[in-house]
């Protein structure tokens, strides 16, 4: 590529050798535009720069992403193979060190080590009963909705999407629910690759280390206890690290999925009409969002085990490849018409693929589907409180999540305790799901003083024919 002159603004987007940067204001403001420029310039594989102008390859093609994901013999998950690591260019304080540097985790291992660790995680996650999880999500959603339903307005990112997954996950992992908000903040900061990422990483490890020590003494119906007792005989450090992996990855991806799904409902009348009219189900709609707005846009990383040709590019041994999940989902070779419906199509790249495909994706879907369904049932007249153009996304080199999603609706009286009690509580013996949360005062802002009760007309549940049918099918 031709290097632009020093005074050219393109220097902000390009580094040494003319390769485009995947970080910085310009790249993060319009990542999809950057991907399309790279695709036009280089094809399915493009040279890019990550923080510190370290070179890497961004995989833009759908088929090329699958090839990298499905052939660990050629594309290792062990970041110690990356020549930048071997040359000492990624110190511990580097912004992407927490997500790149090798750790005793399933997603950094290959072969037998990967199978052993994945087996333990899959067996642990598989012990959760999906119906029990959905009942638990229902209760947490009602608790969160009770905090803002009387005001007639809410930020559905800060007051709902970012809280629901972490409150459910802390319970499933075995953590106290009061740790949820701070852990959510730390997880988000870690994924951004900011200057405080290392401190956030340390906070998460400290909380999980305490948890594992407690579960040795008092095991329960939770993932921490099940990993400790698993036949794979994990060390305490391996248990801590995999709890962190589940917490960080599931919270980030599920929060983004919930926010983008609600945004689509509030901004697309046709989508909302199909949903409320029974022409489309929530699971179908979620798959559309996973195609168009995957929770993670870029997933690091894979490392070439030898020299090879891929997508018309010569890859050297030790090169890092970044999985372009969002770019692969919009590859014209498999999706020539981006406006075409992808409802119910699960062949997207949002959850990866191959031996490292996300083992907790069904739990994430259950949290998102149930939470959104209950919220729309509680507040059926939800509307966006600002123009769609006013919505702001917080960019990072791996994802773009909504900063706020202001909504307005008819004020409604919070549920009484006996109404919440009518929702079946998960049984630890029958469902193997932790006990539901009590109403957590530290989680959200203190509840505002409500007007006298007569000001709120009785709210009959909205029971359209398609909701009755959906509930019957679920039962």
Protein backbone atom coordinates (compact mmCIF):
# COMPACT_ATOMS: atom_id res chain seq x y z
CA UNK A 1 0.00 0.00 0.00
CA UNK A 2 1.09 3.59 -0.61
CA UNK A 3 1.98 5.41 2.61
CA UNK A 4 0.13 8.76 2.90
CA UNK A 5 2.16 11.96 3.36
CA UNK A 6 2.88 13.03 6.98
CA UNK A 7 0.30 15.83 6.97
CA UNK A 8 -2.51 13.53 5.77
CA UNK A 9 -5.24 12.67 8.32
CA UNK A 10 -5.01 9.07 7.15
CA UNK A 11 -1.98 8.70 9.41
CA UNK A 12 -4.44 8.48 12.31
CA UNK A 13 -5.94 5.35 10.77
CA UNK A 14 -2.75 3.83 9.36
CA UNK A 15 0.49 2.75 10.95
CA UNK A 16 3.86 1.55 9.82
CA UNK A 17 3.70 0.08 6.32
CA UNK A 18 0.26 1.57 5.70
CA UNK A 19 -1.66 -1.14 7.60
CA UNK A 20 -4.92 0.07 9.11
CA UNK A 21 -5.28 0.36 12.86
CA UNK A 22 -8.16 -1.51 14.55
CA UNK A 23 -7.96 0.79 17.57
CA UNK A 24 -8.29 4.54 18.02
CA UNK A 25 -11.14 7.00 17.51
CA UNK A 26 -11.42 6.68 13.74
CA UNK A 27 -11.40 2.89 13.61
CA UNK A 28 -13.78 2.52 16.55
CA UNK A 29 -16.25 5.14 15.27
CA UNK A 30 -17.13 3.11 12.16
CA UNK A 31 -15.69 -0.40 12.44
CA UNK A 32 -17.99 -1.85 9.78
CA UNK A 33 -16.82 0.83 7.36
CA UNK A 34 -13.22 -0.11 8.16
CA UNK A 35 -13.99 -3.79 7.53
CA UNK A 36 -15.52 -3.04 4.14
CA UNK A 37 -12.53 -0.88 3.13
CA UNK A 38 -10.19 -3.67 4.16
CA UNK A 39 -12.28 -6.21 2.24
CA UNK A 40 -12.14 -4.03 -0.88
CA UNK A 41 -8.38 -3.53 -0.53
CA UNK A 42 -7.25 -7.02 0.50
CA UNK A 43 -10.07 -9.53 0.16
CA UNK A 44 -10.90 -12.13 2.82
CA UNK A 45 -7.74 -11.58 4.94
CA UNK A 46 -6.33 -8.11 5.69
CA UNK A 47 -3.19 -6.85 7.47
CA UNK A 48 -4.07 -4.69 10.50
CA UNK A 49 -2.48 -3.20 13.60
CA UNK A 50 -3.62 -3.64 17.21
CA UNK A 51 -2.64 -1.52 20.22
CA UNK A 52 1.00 -0.48 20.11
CA UNK A 53 0.92 -0.92 16.33
CA UNK A 54 1.52 -4.65 16.67
CA UNK A 55 0.82 -6.42 13.35
CA UNK A 56 -1.95 -8.97 12.94
CA UNK A 57 -4.30 -10.36 10.30
CA UNK A 58 -8.05 -9.67 10.39
CA UNK A 59 -10.15 -12.53 8.95
CA UNK A 60 -13.02 -10.92 7.02
CA UNK A 61 -14.42 -13.85 5.03
CA UNK A 62 -17.14 -16.12 6.42
CA UNK A 63 -15.59 -19.33 5.09
CA UNK A 64 -12.10 -18.23 6.12
CA UNK A 65 -13.33 -17.56 9.67
CA UNK A 66 -14.77 -21.07 9.81
CA UNK A 67 -11.53 -22.56 8.46
CA UNK A 68 -9.51 -20.84 11.19
CA UNK A 69 -12.03 -21.82 13.88
CA UNK A 70 -12.27 -25.45 12.83
CA UNK A 71 -8.61 -26.35 12.21
CA UNK A 72 -6.67 -25.93 15.47
CA UNK A 73 -3.80 -27.96 14.00
CA UNK A 74 -3.03 -25.00 11.69
CA UNK A 75 -4.35 -22.17 13.86
CA UNK A 76 -3.46 -22.61 17.52
CA UNK A 77 -5.18 -20.89 20.43
CA UNK A 78 -1.90 -20.68 22.39
CA UNK A 79 -0.87 -17.01 22.38
CA UNK A 80 2.68 -17.96 23.41
CA UNK A 81 3.19 -18.77 19.72
CA UNK A 82 2.66 -15.11 18.73
CA UNK A 83 5.99 -13.64 17.67
CA UNK A 84 5.13 -10.33 19.42
CA UNK A 85 4.93 -12.22 22.73
CA UNK A 86 8.13 -14.12 22.03
CA UNK A 87 9.90 -10.83 21.26
CA UNK A 88 8.72 -9.26 24.53
CA UNK A 89 6.47 -6.65 22.88
CA UNK A 90 3.41 -7.42 25.02
CA UNK A 91 4.28 -6.49 28.63
CA UNK A 92 1.74 -7.14 31.43
CA UNK A 93 0.59 -3.51 31.36
CA UNK A 94 -0.20 -3.63 27.64
CA UNK A 95 -3.90 -2.71 27.03
CA UNK A 96 -4.72 -6.05 25.38
CA UNK A 97 -2.57 -8.21 27.66
CA UNK A 98 -5.53 -9.38 29.84
CA UNK A 99 -7.34 -10.77 26.80
CA UNK A 100 -4.30 -11.95 24.77
CA UNK A 101 -1.67 -13.31 27.16
CA UNK A 102 -1.74 -17.07 27.75
CA UNK A 103 -3.71 -18.24 30.77
CA UNK A 104 -4.68 -21.72 32.04
CA UNK A 105 -8.02 -21.46 30.21
CA UNK A 106 -9.79 -23.69 27.73
CA UNK A 107 -9.69 -20.98 25.05
CA UNK A 108 -5.86 -20.75 25.24
CA UNK A 109 -5.25 -24.50 24.91
CA UNK A 110 -5.33 -27.10 22.15
CA UNK A 111 -5.54 -30.88 21.94
CA UNK A 112 -5.96 -33.01 25.07
CA UNK A 113 -5.57 -30.04 27.43
CA UNK A 114 -8.40 -28.23 25.67
CA UNK A 115 -10.64 -31.33 25.77
CA UNK A 116 -10.05 -31.81 29.50
CA UNK A 117 -10.88 -28.21 30.40
CA UNK A 118 -13.82 -27.90 28.03
CA UNK A 119 -15.26 -31.15 29.34
CA UNK A 120 -15.31 -29.77 32.89
CA UNK A 121 -16.93 -26.48 31.84
CA UNK A 122 -19.50 -28.20 29.60
CA UNK A 123 -20.45 -30.70 32.30
CA UNK A 124 -20.85 -27.90 34.85
CA UNK A 125 -22.98 -25.71 32.60
CA UNK A 126 -24.99 -28.75 31.53
CA UNK A 127 -26.18 -29.39 35.08
CA UNK A 128 -28.32 -26.25 35.07
CA UNK A 129 -31.93 -26.93 34.22
CA UNK A 130 -33.04 -24.52 31.48
CA UNK A 131 -36.58 -24.21 32.85
CA UNK A 132 -35.15 -23.38 36.26
CA UNK A 133 -32.89 -20.73 34.75
CA UNK A 134 -35.84 -19.15 32.93
CA UNK A 135 -37.86 -18.99 36.15
CA UNK A 136 -34.89 -17.40 37.88
CA UNK A 137 -34.47 -14.85 35.06
CA UNK A 138 -38.18 -14.07 35.33
CA UNK A 139 -37.88 -13.21 39.01
CA UNK A 140 -34.78 -11.05 38.52
CA UNK A 141 -36.45 -9.24 35.60
CA UNK A 142 -39.46 -8.44 37.76
CA UNK A 143 -37.19 -7.13 40.52
CA UNK A 144 -35.36 -4.84 38.09
CA UNK A 145 -38.60 -3.67 36.43
CA UNK A 146 -40.08 -2.86 39.85
CA UNK A 147 -37.32 -0.30 40.36
CA UNK A 148 -38.38 1.91 37.44
CA UNK A 149 -41.89 0.90 36.34
CA UNK A 150 -43.59 3.60 38.45
CA UNK A 151 -41.56 6.44 36.91
CA UNK A 152 -42.69 5.95 33.31
CA UNK A 153 -39.13 6.14 32.01
CA UNK A 154 -35.91 4.13 32.17
CA UNK A 155 -32.50 3.63 30.63
CA UNK A 156 -32.85 0.05 29.44
CA UNK A 157 -29.07 -0.37 29.14
CA UNK A 158 -27.91 0.84 32.55
CA UNK A 159 -31.04 -0.21 34.47
CA UNK A 160 -31.75 -3.49 32.71
CA UNK A 161 -29.49 -4.96 29.99
CA UNK A 162 -26.22 -4.51 31.89
CA UNK A 163 -27.67 -5.75 35.20
CA UNK A 164 -29.80 -8.75 34.26
CA UNK A 165 -27.03 -11.08 32.96
CA UNK A 166 -24.57 -10.40 35.74
CA UNK A 167 -27.21 -10.78 38.47
CA UNK A 168 -28.20 -14.15 37.03
CA UNK A 169 -24.60 -15.23 36.44
CA UNK A 170 -23.33 -14.29 39.90
CA UNK A 171 -26.07 -16.50 41.32
CA UNK A 172 -25.26 -19.39 38.97
CA UNK A 173 -21.56 -19.13 39.76
CA UNK A 174 -22.26 -19.03 43.50
CA UNK A 175 -21.33 -15.38 44.16
CA UNK A 176 -23.31 -13.05 46.45
CA UNK A 177 -25.71 -10.94 44.38
CA UNK A 178 -24.43 -7.70 45.92
CA UNK A 179 -21.18 -8.26 44.01
CA UNK A 180 -23.04 -8.08 40.70
CA UNK A 181 -22.93 -4.35 39.80
CA UNK A 182 -19.23 -3.91 40.57
CA UNK A 183 -18.36 -7.11 38.70
CA UNK A 184 -20.39 -5.93 35.70
CA UNK A 185 -18.41 -2.69 35.61
CA UNK A 186 -15.11 -4.55 35.89
CA UNK A 187 -16.06 -7.00 33.11
CA UNK A 188 -17.00 -4.18 30.74
CA UNK A 189 -13.78 -2.29 31.50
CA UNK A 190 -11.69 -5.40 30.91
CA UNK A 191 -13.21 -5.92 27.47
CA UNK A 192 -12.55 -2.29 26.45
CA UNK A 193 -8.78 -2.64 26.80
CA UNK A 194 -8.48 0.63 28.76
CA UNK A 195 -5.69 1.84 31.05
CA UNK A 196 -7.62 0.44 34.03
CA UNK A 197 -8.17 -2.99 32.46
CA UNK A 198 -5.43 -4.55 34.59
CA UNK A 199 -7.01 -3.26 37.81
CA UNK A 200 -10.41 -4.60 36.74
CA UNK A 201 -8.84 -7.95 35.96
CA UNK A 202 -7.33 -8.05 39.45
CA UNK A 203 -10.66 -7.22 41.09
CA UNK A 204 -12.45 -10.04 39.28
CA UNK A 205 -9.73 -12.56 40.20
CA UNK A 206 -9.83 -11.51 43.85
CA UNK A 207 -13.62 -11.98 44.09
CA UNK A 208 -13.50 -15.38 42.41
CA UNK A 209 -10.52 -16.59 44.48
CA UNK A 210 -12.51 -15.85 47.65
CA UNK A 211 -15.49 -17.71 46.18
CA UNK A 212 -13.51 -20.87 45.43
CA UNK A 213 -12.03 -20.91 48.95
CA UNK A 214 -15.55 -20.63 50.42
CA UNK A 215 -16.96 -23.37 48.17
CA UNK A 216 -14.31 -25.81 49.38
CA UNK A 217 -15.82 -25.36 52.84
CA UNK A 218 -19.49 -24.94 51.87
CA UNK A 219 -20.26 -26.41 48.43
CA UNK A 220 -23.63 -25.68 46.87
CA UNK A 221 -25.71 -25.99 43.71
CA UNK A 222 -23.50 -23.70 41.62
CA UNK A 223 -20.85 -23.77 38.92
CA UNK A 224 -17.98 -23.07 41.32
CA UNK A 225 -18.79 -26.15 43.41
CA UNK A 226 -19.27 -28.36 40.36
CA UNK A 227 -15.95 -27.35 38.81
CA UNK A 228 -14.19 -28.08 42.10
CA UNK A 229 -15.66 -31.60 42.28
CA UNK A 230 -15.43 -32.40 38.55
CA UNK A 231 -13.70 -35.58 37.39
CA UNK A 232 -11.16 -33.47 35.45
CA UNK A 233 -9.56 -32.65 38.84
CA UNK A 234 -9.06 -28.95 38.15
CA UNK A 235 -6.65 -26.98 40.31
CA UNK A 236 -8.03 -24.01 42.25
CA UNK A 237 -6.36 -21.66 39.79
CA UNK A 238 -8.02 -23.45 36.87
CA UNK A 239 -11.40 -23.19 38.61
CA UNK A 240 -10.93 -19.46 39.26
CA UNK A 241 -9.84 -18.77 35.71
CA UNK A 242 -12.78 -20.63 34.16
CA UNK A 243 -15.28 -18.93 36.43
CA UNK A 244 -13.78 -15.65 35.22
CA UNK A 245 -14.09 -16.77 31.62
CA UNK A 246 -17.78 -17.63 32.04
CA UNK A 247 -18.52 -14.42 33.94
CA UNK A 248 -16.73 -12.02 31.59
CA UNK A 249 -17.66 -13.62 28.28
CA UNK A 250 -21.29 -14.38 29.14
CA UNK A 251 -21.97 -11.01 30.78
CA UNK A 252 -20.50 -8.95 27.94
CA UNK A 253 -22.13 -10.88 25.14
CA UNK A 254 -25.54 -11.28 26.77
CA UNK A 255 -25.79 -7.64 27.85
CA UNK A 256 -24.99 -6.49 24.32
CA UNK A 257 -27.49 -8.96 22.85
CA UNK A 258 -30.29 -7.80 25.16
CA UNK A 259 -29.64 -4.11 24.47
CA UNK A 260 -29.53 -4.55 20.69
CA UNK A 261 -32.66 -6.72 20.68
CA UNK A 262 -34.64 -4.15 22.68
CA UNK A 263 -33.34 -1.38 20.42
CA UNK A 264 -34.59 -3.27 17.37
CA UNK A 265 -38.03 -3.70 18.95
CA UNK A 266 -38.21 0.03 19.77
CA UNK A 267 -36.92 1.35 16.44
CA UNK A 268 -38.25 -1.05 13.79
CA UNK A 269 -42.08 -0.97 13.51
CA UNK A 270 -42.15 -3.93 11.11
CA UNK A 271 -40.02 -6.04 13.44
CA UNK A 272 -42.19 -5.12 16.42
CA UNK A 273 -45.35 -5.80 14.45
CA UNK A 274 -44.13 -9.25 13.40
CA UNK A 275 -43.20 -9.99 17.00
CA UNK A 276 -46.45 -8.83 18.60
CA UNK A 277 -48.54 -10.31 15.81
CA UNK A 278 -47.09 -13.77 16.23
CA UNK A 279 -45.43 -13.84 12.79
CA UNK A 280 -42.02 -14.11 14.45
CA UNK A 281 -40.85 -15.44 17.80
CA UNK A 282 -38.31 -13.85 20.13
CA UNK A 283 -35.78 -16.63 19.42
CA UNK A 284 -36.11 -15.89 15.69
CA UNK A 285 -35.55 -12.19 16.34
CA UNK A 286 -32.49 -12.88 18.47
CA UNK A 287 -30.86 -14.79 15.63
CA UNK A 288 -31.40 -11.78 13.35
CA UNK A 289 -29.61 -9.58 15.90
CA UNK A 290 -26.78 -12.12 16.20
CA UNK A 291 -26.27 -11.83 12.43
CA UNK A 292 -26.46 -8.03 12.25
CA UNK A 293 -25.00 -6.97 15.61
CA UNK A 294 -22.98 -9.85 17.12
CA UNK A 295 -22.07 -9.17 20.77
CA UNK A 296 -18.37 -9.42 19.89
CA UNK A 297 -17.26 -7.94 16.56
CA UNK A 298 -13.66 -9.16 16.76
CA UNK A 299 -12.42 -12.20 18.69
CA UNK A 300 -8.72 -12.65 19.41
CA UNK A 301 -6.93 -14.71 18.52
CA UNK A 302 -5.43 -17.63 16.63
CA UNK A 303 -1.74 -18.16 15.87
CA UNK A 304 -0.32 -19.79 12.75
CA UNK A 305 1.52 -23.02 13.51
CA UNK A 306 3.50 -22.74 10.26
CA UNK A 307 3.75 -20.77 7.02
CA UNK A 308 0.65 -21.05 4.82
CA UNK A 309 -1.59 -19.37 2.28
CA UNK A 310 -5.03 -18.21 3.43
CA UNK A 311 -7.45 -15.99 1.57
CA UNK A 312 -4.77 -15.02 -0.95
CA UNK A 313 -2.36 -13.87 1.79
CA UNK A 314 0.92 -15.44 2.89
CA UNK A 315 0.77 -16.12 6.64
CA UNK A 316 4.02 -16.70 8.54
CA UNK A 317 4.45 -19.01 11.51
CA UNK A 318 3.68 -17.10 14.72
CA UNK A 319 1.40 -14.53 13.06
CA UNK A 320 -1.75 -13.60 14.97
CA UNK A 321 -5.14 -13.87 13.25
CA UNK A 322 -8.14 -11.98 14.61
CA UNK A 323 -11.55 -13.52 13.97
CA UNK A 324 -13.74 -10.92 12.32
CA UNK A 325 -17.15 -12.20 13.44
CA UNK A 326 -19.14 -9.13 12.37
CA UNK A 327 -17.29 -8.88 9.07
CA UNK A 328 -17.79 -12.59 8.38
CA UNK A 329 -21.53 -12.28 9.06
CA UNK A 330 -21.79 -9.62 6.34
CA UNK A 331 -19.55 -11.37 3.80
CA UNK A 332 -21.18 -10.81 0.37
CA UNK A 333 -20.17 -14.34 -0.62
CA UNK A 334 -22.76 -15.81 1.76
CA UNK A 335 -25.03 -12.80 2.36
CA UNK A 336 -25.37 -10.76 -0.83
CA UNK A 337 -28.54 -9.05 0.43
CA UNK A 338 -28.10 -7.75 3.97
CA UNK A 339 -31.78 -6.78 4.10
CA UNK A 340 -32.91 -10.39 3.66
CA UNK A 341 -34.41 -12.00 6.76
CA UNK A 342 -32.15 -14.29 8.79
CA UNK A 343 -34.85 -15.18 11.34
CA UNK A 344 -34.11 -18.48 13.03
CA UNK A 345 -30.87 -19.02 11.09
CA UNK A 346 -28.19 -20.13 13.57
CA UNK A 347 -25.29 -20.42 11.13
CA UNK A 348 -23.86 -17.02 12.11
CA UNK A 349 -20.42 -16.61 13.68
CA UNK A 350 -21.56 -14.85 16.85
CA UNK A 351 -20.65 -17.76 19.13
CA UNK A 352 -17.56 -18.88 17.23
CA UNK A 353 -17.26 -22.43 15.96
CA UNK A 354 -15.18 -25.58 15.99
CA UNK A 355 -13.76 -27.03 19.23
CA UNK A 356 -13.90 -23.63 20.93
CA UNK A 357 -17.53 -22.81 20.13
CA UNK A 358 -19.16 -21.11 23.12
CA UNK A 359 -20.45 -23.85 25.48
CA UNK A 360 -22.78 -21.46 27.32
CA UNK A 361 -24.62 -19.99 24.35
CA UNK A 362 -27.94 -21.63 25.25
CA UNK A 363 -27.82 -20.11 28.73
CA UNK A 364 -27.14 -16.70 27.19
CA UNK A 365 -30.08 -17.14 24.84
CA UNK A 366 -32.33 -18.19 27.76
CA UNK A 367 -31.38 -15.07 29.75
CA UNK A 368 -31.98 -12.75 26.79
CA UNK A 369 -35.20 -14.35 25.54
CA UNK A 370 -36.83 -14.64 28.94
CA UNK A 371 -35.75 -11.24 30.20
CA UNK A 372 -36.99 -9.40 27.10
CA UNK A 373 -40.24 -11.37 27.00
CA UNK A 374 -41.03 -10.58 30.65
CA UNK A 375 -40.08 -6.92 30.22
CA UNK A 376 -42.33 -6.47 27.18
CA UNK A 377 -45.13 -8.20 29.07
CA UNK A 378 -44.74 -5.82 32.02
CA UNK A 379 -44.39 -2.71 29.84
CA UNK A 380 -46.19 -3.43 26.53
CA UNK A 381 -46.23 0.24 25.44
CA UNK A 382 -42.45 0.76 25.63
CA UNK A 383 -41.26 3.48 23.25
CA UNK A 384 -37.90 5.05 22.51
CA UNK A 385 -37.67 8.37 24.36
CA UNK A 386 -35.17 9.97 21.94
CA UNK A 387 -34.53 9.95 18.21
CA UNK A 388 -32.71 6.85 17.02
CA UNK A 389 -29.88 9.03 15.69
CA UNK A 390 -29.25 10.27 19.24
CA UNK A 391 -28.29 6.81 20.49
CA UNK A 392 -24.57 6.52 21.23
CA UNK A 393 -22.39 3.42 21.15
CA UNK A 394 -19.29 3.05 23.29
CA UNK A 395 -16.62 1.68 20.97
CA UNK A 396 -13.76 -0.69 21.63
CA UNK A 397 -11.66 -2.74 19.26
CA UNK A 398 -13.67 -5.92 20.02
CA UNK A 399 -17.27 -4.69 20.38
CA UNK A 400 -19.62 -1.70 20.30
CA UNK A 401 -22.27 -1.55 23.00
CA UNK A 402 -25.03 0.98 23.46
CA UNK A 403 -24.28 3.63 26.07
CA UNK A 404 -27.94 4.30 26.87
CA UNK A 405 -31.37 3.26 25.61
CA UNK A 406 -33.84 5.82 27.01
CA UNK A 407 -37.40 4.52 26.97
CA UNK A 408 -40.79 5.79 28.12
CA UNK A 409 -44.03 3.99 28.94
CA UNK A 410 -47.21 4.28 30.99
CA UNK A 411 -46.29 4.27 34.69
CA UNK A 412 -47.29 1.08 36.46
CA UNK A 413 -47.44 0.00 40.04
CA UNK A 414 -44.60 -2.35 41.11
CA UNK A 415 -45.58 -5.91 41.80
CA UNK A 416 -46.50 -6.70 45.36
CA UNK A 417 -44.43 -9.32 47.14
CA UNK A 418 -47.25 -11.84 46.94
CA UNK A 419 -47.46 -11.31 43.17
CA UNK A 420 -43.77 -12.03 42.81
CA UNK A 421 -44.17 -15.06 45.05
CA UNK A 422 -46.73 -16.41 42.59
CA UNK A 423 -43.90 -16.95 40.10
CA UNK A 424 -42.54 -20.45 40.89
CA UNK A 425 -39.20 -20.38 42.64
CA UNK A 426 -36.51 -22.66 41.21
CA UNK A 427 -35.98 -25.77 43.31
CA UNK A 428 -32.33 -26.61 43.94
CA UNK A 429 -33.23 -30.28 44.32
CA UNK A 430 -35.34 -30.52 41.18
CA UNK A 431 -33.80 -27.91 38.90
CA UNK A 432 -30.24 -27.65 40.22
CA UNK A 433 -30.51 -23.86 40.14
CA UNK A 434 -29.40 -21.54 42.96
CA UNK A 435 -32.11 -19.94 45.06
CA UNK A 436 -33.52 -16.74 43.52
CA UNK A 437 -32.41 -13.33 44.63
CA UNK A 438 -34.09 -11.47 47.44
CA UNK A 439 -34.86 -7.89 46.44
CA UNK A 440 -31.30 -6.45 46.26
CA UNK A 441 -31.20 -2.90 47.59
CA UNK A 442 -27.55 -2.23 46.60
CA UNK A 443 -28.09 -3.27 42.99
CA UNK A 444 -30.03 -0.28 41.72
CA UNK A 445 -30.89 3.23 42.77
CA UNK A 446 -33.25 3.43 45.77
CA UNK A 447 -36.87 3.12 44.74
CA UNK A 448 -38.65 6.44 44.43
CA UNK A 449 -41.60 7.24 46.65
CA UNK A 450 -44.72 6.17 44.81
CA UNK A 451 -47.89 8.24 44.38
CA UNK A 452 -50.98 7.07 46.24
CA UNK A 453 -52.14 3.71 45.01
CA UNK A 454 -55.38 4.89 43.33
CA UNK A 455 -53.24 6.86 40.86
CA UNK A 456 -52.36 3.55 39.22
CA UNK A 457 -55.26 1.78 37.50
CA UNK A 458 -55.20 -1.99 37.85
CA UNK A 459 -52.96 -3.47 35.17
CA UNK A 460 -54.41 -6.59 33.62
CA UNK A 461 -51.82 -8.90 32.10
CA UNK A 462 -51.61 -8.63 28.37
CA UNK A 463 -52.74 -12.03 27.09
CA UNK A 464 -52.89 -12.02 23.32
CA UNK A 465 -53.59 -15.27 21.51
CA UNK A 466 -49.99 -15.68 20.41
CA UNK A 467 -48.66 -15.18 23.96
CA UNK A 468 -51.12 -17.79 25.27
CA UNK A 469 -49.95 -20.20 22.56
CA UNK A 470 -46.27 -19.44 23.28
CA UNK A 471 -46.73 -20.00 27.02
CA UNK A 472 -48.54 -23.28 26.34
CA UNK A 473 -45.76 -24.50 24.05
CA UNK A 474 -43.10 -23.59 26.62
CA UNK A 475 -44.91 -25.53 29.33
